[in-house]
């Protein structure tokens, strides 16, 4: 399951520009990640395939492409937008991306819950994944189509970028 990293990064940048204080920006952006992930984005089947071991290489390619697009977008924003507080914006971007980075760390390390760090990563990963399907399980009969999910994410991204510019 993945909402584009670019969505989380741009929302983090927006919050950082509005909130200004880096600690508050980081915290709000971290929390916003979970709110954004609740929006159905049509990729539940991708995560299910990944967990079964199907298309692992495809999942890695998707994440790498997503990370590259996000890096280009962040570079573009930092180069072309005059922010009230660059420190707040950078803290917001980091806060918005950190939950997915922690999940990526979990997926790379595959901790079995041994040791404090492994247990915390396992708990965080479980929370993150339950959050992804929170609305889907309560209000939908299943995930939305991947095409509609793509449209939703592009619209959210476009609105946030437009707001920043």
Protein backbone atom coordinates (compact mmCIF):
# COMPACT_ATOMS: atom_id res chain seq x y z
CA UNK A 1 0.00 0.00 0.00
CA UNK A 2 1.34 3.35 -0.77
CA UNK A 3 0.05 6.82 -1.10
CA UNK A 4 2.60 8.67 -3.16
CA UNK A 5 5.47 9.95 -1.07
CA UNK A 6 5.12 13.19 -3.03
CA UNK A 7 1.68 13.76 -1.49
CA UNK A 8 3.06 13.36 2.03
CA UNK A 9 6.07 15.56 1.25
CA UNK A 10 4.04 18.41 -0.27
CA UNK A 11 1.46 18.37 2.52
CA UNK A 12 4.39 18.46 4.95
CA UNK A 13 5.85 21.42 3.06
CA UNK A 14 2.51 23.22 3.16
CA UNK A 15 2.11 22.62 6.89
CA UNK A 16 5.70 23.74 7.48
CA UNK A 17 5.06 26.95 5.57
CA UNK A 18 1.89 27.69 7.54
CA UNK A 19 3.00 26.53 11.00
CA UNK A 20 6.62 27.80 10.67
CA UNK A 21 7.91 26.30 13.96
CA UNK A 22 9.97 23.23 12.94
CA UNK A 23 8.94 21.02 15.88
CA UNK A 24 5.24 21.79 15.43
CA UNK A 25 5.56 21.41 11.66
CA UNK A 26 7.25 18.03 12.04
CA UNK A 27 4.60 16.81 14.50
CA UNK A 28 1.61 17.99 12.46
CA UNK A 29 3.08 16.56 9.27
CA UNK A 30 3.74 13.22 10.98
CA UNK A 31 0.08 13.15 12.12
CA UNK A 32 -1.17 14.28 8.69
CA UNK A 33 0.51 11.24 7.17
CA UNK A 34 -1.96 9.00 8.97
CA UNK A 35 -4.95 11.12 7.97
CA UNK A 36 -3.89 11.07 4.32
CA UNK A 37 -3.30 7.32 4.42
CA UNK A 38 -6.90 6.81 5.55
CA UNK A 39 -8.09 8.13 2.19
CA UNK A 40 -8.66 5.04 0.04
CA UNK A 41 -6.08 5.07 -2.73
CA UNK A 42 -6.71 1.89 -4.66
CA UNK A 43 -3.60 -0.08 -3.90
CA UNK A 44 -4.59 -2.62 -1.26
CA UNK A 45 -4.09 -5.40 -3.81
CA UNK A 46 -0.48 -4.30 -4.38
CA UNK A 47 0.35 -4.65 -0.71
CA UNK A 48 -1.43 -8.01 -0.53
CA UNK A 49 0.63 -9.25 -3.50
CA UNK A 50 3.83 -7.96 -1.91
CA UNK A 51 3.11 -9.68 1.41
CA UNK A 52 2.48 -12.99 -0.40
CA UNK A 53 5.84 -12.61 -2.12
CA UNK A 54 4.37 -11.87 -5.56
CA UNK A 55 5.84 -9.00 -7.55
CA UNK A 56 8.40 -7.98 -4.90
CA UNK A 57 10.66 -6.55 -7.61
CA UNK A 58 7.74 -4.55 -8.98
CA UNK A 59 7.08 -3.16 -5.49
CA UNK A 60 10.71 -2.10 -5.14
CA UNK A 61 10.62 -0.39 -8.55
CA UNK A 62 7.41 1.46 -7.60
CA UNK A 63 8.96 2.72 -4.37
CA UNK A 64 12.16 3.82 -6.14
CA UNK A 65 10.22 5.68 -8.86
CA UNK A 66 8.01 7.27 -6.19
CA UNK A 67 11.09 8.35 -4.21
CA UNK A 68 12.71 9.82 -7.33
CA UNK A 69 9.56 11.78 -8.25
CA UNK A 70 9.34 13.01 -4.65
CA UNK A 71 12.98 14.12 -4.64
CA UNK A 72 12.49 16.05 -7.89
CA UNK A 73 9.30 17.68 -6.58
CA UNK A 74 10.92 18.67 -3.27
CA UNK A 75 13.93 20.10 -5.11
CA UNK A 76 11.57 22.03 -7.42
CA UNK A 77 9.59 23.43 -4.49
CA UNK A 78 12.67 24.40 -2.49
CA UNK A 79 14.20 26.06 -5.57
CA UNK A 80 11.11 27.91 -6.81
CA UNK A 81 8.93 28.79 -3.84
CA UNK A 82 9.66 31.47 -1.28
CA UNK A 83 8.73 29.91 2.02
CA UNK A 84 8.05 31.75 5.28
CA UNK A 85 10.33 29.29 7.09
CA UNK A 86 12.54 26.89 5.19
CA UNK A 87 13.36 25.09 8.45
CA UNK A 88 9.63 24.60 9.10
CA UNK A 89 9.11 23.35 5.55
CA UNK A 90 12.00 20.87 5.73
CA UNK A 91 10.82 19.63 9.14
CA UNK A 92 7.32 19.24 7.69
CA UNK A 93 8.61 17.25 4.73
CA UNK A 94 10.60 14.95 7.02
CA UNK A 95 7.64 14.51 9.38
CA UNK A 96 5.35 13.72 6.48
CA UNK A 97 7.71 11.09 5.07
CA UNK A 98 8.96 9.51 8.30
CA UNK A 99 6.09 7.01 8.79
CA UNK A 100 6.76 5.45 5.38
CA UNK A 101 10.51 5.48 6.03
CA UNK A 102 9.91 3.56 9.27
CA UNK A 103 7.74 1.05 7.41
CA UNK A 104 10.50 0.70 4.81
CA UNK A 105 12.98 0.07 7.60
CA UNK A 106 10.64 -2.56 9.01
CA UNK A 107 10.32 -4.25 5.61
CA UNK A 108 14.11 -4.29 5.13
CA UNK A 109 14.93 -5.59 8.61
CA UNK A 110 11.91 -7.90 9.05
CA UNK A 111 12.23 -7.84 12.86
CA UNK A 112 10.49 -10.68 14.64
CA UNK A 113 9.71 -8.58 17.69
CA UNK A 114 12.97 -9.44 19.41
CA UNK A 115 14.56 -6.57 21.26
CA UNK A 116 13.05 -3.19 21.98
CA UNK A 117 13.66 -1.75 18.49
CA UNK A 118 12.17 -4.76 16.72
CA UNK A 119 9.06 -4.70 18.91
CA UNK A 120 8.54 -0.98 18.34
CA UNK A 121 8.98 -1.28 14.57
CA UNK A 122 6.54 -4.20 14.53
CA UNK A 123 3.95 -2.22 16.52
CA UNK A 124 4.42 0.84 14.33
CA UNK A 125 4.12 -1.19 11.14
CA UNK A 126 0.91 -2.84 12.39
CA UNK A 127 -0.58 0.55 13.30
CA UNK A 128 0.41 2.01 9.93
CA UNK A 129 -1.13 -0.87 7.97
CA UNK A 130 -4.36 -0.91 10.01
CA UNK A 131 -4.64 2.82 9.40
CA UNK A 132 -4.49 2.28 5.63
CA UNK A 133 -7.63 0.16 5.66
CA UNK A 134 -9.49 2.01 8.44
CA UNK A 135 -12.06 3.69 6.16
CA UNK A 136 -12.07 0.93 3.56
CA UNK A 137 -13.20 -1.65 6.11
CA UNK A 138 -15.79 0.62 7.70
CA UNK A 139 -17.41 2.40 4.77
CA UNK A 140 -16.55 0.55 1.56
CA UNK A 141 -17.03 -3.00 0.37
CA UNK A 142 -13.42 -3.08 -0.69
CA UNK A 143 -10.73 -0.77 -1.90
CA UNK A 144 -11.46 1.68 -4.69
CA UNK A 145 -10.03 0.95 -8.13
CA UNK A 146 -6.36 1.71 -8.64
CA UNK A 147 -7.24 4.13 -11.47
CA UNK A 148 -9.57 6.11 -9.21
CA UNK A 149 -6.95 5.98 -6.45
CA UNK A 150 -4.39 7.46 -8.82
CA UNK A 151 -6.81 10.25 -9.73
CA UNK A 152 -7.48 10.99 -6.05
CA UNK A 153 -3.77 11.21 -5.27
CA UNK A 154 -2.96 13.37 -8.30
CA UNK A 155 -5.82 15.73 -7.35
CA UNK A 156 -4.63 16.01 -3.75
CA UNK A 157 -1.05 16.57 -4.93
CA UNK A 158 -2.14 19.14 -7.52
CA UNK A 159 -4.22 21.08 -4.99
CA UNK A 160 -1.40 21.22 -2.46
CA UNK A 161 1.23 22.22 -5.04
CA UNK A 162 -1.15 24.88 -6.38
CA UNK A 163 -1.64 26.20 -2.85
CA UNK A 164 2.13 26.40 -2.38
CA UNK A 165 2.73 28.21 -5.67
